[in-house]
Structures are given as structure tokens and as C-alpha cells.
Protein backbone atom coordinates (compact mmCIF):
# COMPACT_ATOMS: atom_id res chain seq x y z
CA GLY A 1 76.93 -33.78 319.18
CA ILE A 2 77.88 -30.22 318.48
CA LYS A 3 81.05 -29.96 316.39
CA LEU A 4 82.83 -27.09 318.15
CA LYS A 5 86.02 -27.82 316.20
CA LEU A 6 84.28 -26.32 313.16
CA ILE A 7 84.21 -22.87 314.75
CA PRO A 8 87.90 -21.97 314.20
CA ILE A 9 87.80 -23.54 310.73
CA GLY A 10 84.76 -21.42 309.95
CA GLY A 11 86.25 -18.25 311.38
CA PHE A 12 89.53 -18.51 309.52
CA GLY A 13 87.73 -19.53 306.32
CA LEU A 14 85.48 -16.51 306.78
CA ALA A 15 88.57 -14.29 307.12
CA LEU A 16 90.01 -15.83 303.96
CA GLY A 17 86.82 -15.09 302.03
CA ILE A 18 86.69 -11.52 303.32
CA ALA A 19 90.34 -11.04 302.34
CA GLY A 20 89.51 -12.38 298.88
CA THR A 21 86.83 -9.75 298.41
CA GLY A 22 89.40 -7.14 299.38
CA PHE A 23 92.04 -8.27 296.90
CA ILE A 24 89.97 -9.52 293.95
CA PRO A 25 88.11 -7.08 291.68
CA GLY A 26 84.33 -7.02 292.17
CA GLY A 27 82.29 -8.89 289.58
CA SER A 28 85.07 -11.34 288.73
CA PRO A 29 84.72 -15.10 289.22
CA GLY A 30 87.28 -14.92 292.04
CA PHE A 31 85.21 -12.28 293.79
CA TYR A 32 82.12 -14.48 293.61
CA ALA A 33 84.17 -17.44 294.84
CA SER A 34 85.21 -15.31 297.83
CA MET A 35 81.57 -14.49 298.51
CA ILE A 36 80.75 -18.21 298.46
CA LEU A 37 83.59 -18.82 300.94
CA ILE A 38 82.13 -16.16 303.25
CA GLY A 39 78.73 -17.86 303.22
CA PHE A 40 80.07 -21.39 303.50
CA PHE A 41 82.54 -20.78 306.30
CA GLY A 42 80.19 -18.32 308.01
CA GLY A 43 77.88 -21.30 308.50
CA PHE A 44 80.75 -23.35 309.92
CA PHE A 45 81.28 -20.56 312.44
CA ILE A 46 77.78 -19.53 313.47
CA VAL A 47 75.83 -22.82 313.42
CA PRO A 48 77.93 -24.71 316.02
CA LEU A 49 78.30 -21.54 318.07
CA SER A 50 74.53 -20.98 318.17
CA SER A 51 73.90 -24.66 318.89
CA PHE A 52 76.41 -24.58 321.73
CA LEU A 53 74.79 -21.48 323.22
CA GLN A 54 71.35 -23.12 323.09
CA ASP A 55 72.74 -26.31 324.60
CA ILE A 56 74.46 -24.71 327.60
CA ALA A 57 71.74 -22.15 328.40
CA PRO A 58 69.60 -23.15 331.39
CA ASN A 59 66.01 -23.88 330.36
CA ASP A 60 64.56 -21.05 332.46
CA LYS A 61 66.96 -18.46 330.96
CA ARG A 62 67.35 -19.75 327.40
CA GLY A 63 65.02 -17.13 325.87
CA ARG A 64 66.81 -14.26 327.56
CA ILE A 65 70.24 -15.59 326.60
CA LEU A 66 69.29 -16.15 322.96
CA GLY A 67 67.61 -12.74 322.85
CA ALA A 68 70.75 -11.10 324.24
CA SER A 69 72.83 -12.98 321.66
CA ALA A 70 70.59 -11.73 318.85
CA LEU A 71 70.79 -8.18 320.20
CA LEU A 72 74.60 -8.32 320.31
CA THR A 73 74.66 -9.68 316.76
CA SER A 74 72.46 -6.81 315.58
CA ILE A 75 74.52 -4.20 317.41
CA SER A 76 77.69 -5.64 315.88
CA GLY A 77 76.12 -5.36 312.43
CA VAL A 78 75.18 -1.72 313.03
CA ILE A 79 78.73 -0.97 314.22
CA ALA A 80 80.16 -2.63 311.09
CA ILE A 81 77.87 -0.51 308.91
CA LEU A 82 78.89 2.67 310.74
CA ILE A 83 82.58 1.80 310.32
CA SER A 84 82.03 1.16 306.63
CA LEU A 85 80.12 4.46 306.30
CA ALA A 86 83.00 6.30 308.02
CA PHE A 87 85.48 4.66 305.64
CA THR A 88 83.33 5.68 302.68
CA GLN A 89 83.26 9.27 303.93
CA LEU A 90 87.05 9.13 304.20
CA LYS A 91 87.18 7.86 300.58
CA VAL A 92 88.56 4.46 301.58
CA GLY A 93 87.85 2.00 298.77
CA LEU A 94 85.65 -1.05 299.24
CA GLY A 95 88.60 -3.44 298.89
CA HIS A 96 90.49 -1.76 301.73
CA GLN A 97 87.32 -1.69 303.82
CA MET A 98 86.96 -5.44 303.43
CA LEU A 99 90.61 -5.98 304.32
CA PHE A 100 90.06 -3.96 307.50
CA PHE A 101 87.42 -6.45 308.64
CA VAL A 102 89.79 -9.42 308.29
CA ILE A 103 91.62 -8.48 311.50
CA PRO A 104 88.51 -8.33 313.75
CA THR A 105 87.29 -11.59 312.21
CA ILE A 106 90.55 -13.36 313.09
CA LEU A 107 90.59 -11.83 316.58
CA ALA A 108 86.96 -12.84 317.23
CA THR A 109 87.70 -16.37 315.99
CA TRP A 110 90.70 -16.65 318.28
CA TYR A 111 88.75 -15.23 321.25
CA VAL A 112 85.70 -17.48 320.79
CA SER A 113 87.94 -20.51 320.27
CA SER A 114 89.86 -19.73 323.47
CA LEU A 115 86.62 -19.32 325.43
CA ILE A 116 85.39 -22.69 324.23
CA LYS A 117 88.71 -24.36 325.09
CA SER A 118 88.67 -22.83 328.58
CA SER A 119 85.06 -23.93 329.18
CA LYS A 120 86.29 -27.53 329.29
CA VAL A 121 83.50 -28.86 327.10
CA GLU A 122 84.00 -31.74 324.71
CA ALA A 123 84.69 -30.32 321.27
């Protein structure tokens, strides 16, 4: 079955990795360890979430739902880039930019976790 309990673990691990990149100097072993955490826990977050979405989508609407999900993911990425560009224009350092993204990551993790809990599916 789909391990939905991995989603909050992944989200909070992702936030930890992002925070690490904000606090640890770039190019150091700790920085690279933080990048590994981002990739590792990002998988814990996105894989069960994508699997769950595919599983609950009705067969006749699955393509549209997955397409909408991909579009929202892309739009979110563009928004993150625009925020980062604005921070760069305001001379906000990369470390502080990364720390900024910790809060939305935690909020998104909490929100997605609460949606899954309220959907009454077996985690």
C-alpha cells in the first residue's frame, strides 16, 4: 500500500535540509549533506503524495487530475524562482533566501498532512 505516513516525515526532513543550506556555508561537507537531505526527504514527500493522487483519481479523470497537479507544481516552481529573484534584487543573501523557504515548506507539510488525515484514508 501507499505509505502516507512518510509524507510528514519527508516534509519536515525537507525543511531541515533547506534550513541546513541556509545556515551552513556553501561548498562545505555540511552544505552537501543538507542537499542530500533535501533530495532524500523530498522523495519521502512527493512519491507517496503522487501515488496517493493517482490512486484516488477516477479512471476517466486521472489524466486531467495529474496534468493539473503537474501544472500546479510548475507554477509553484516559477513563483519560488520569482521570489528568489526579488530577494536577489533586494540584496538578500542566498542563506537567508533558503531560510525563508523553510516556513512555507513546514506549512505545506502541515496542510497536506491535515488533508490526508481528514480524508479518512488508511495511512
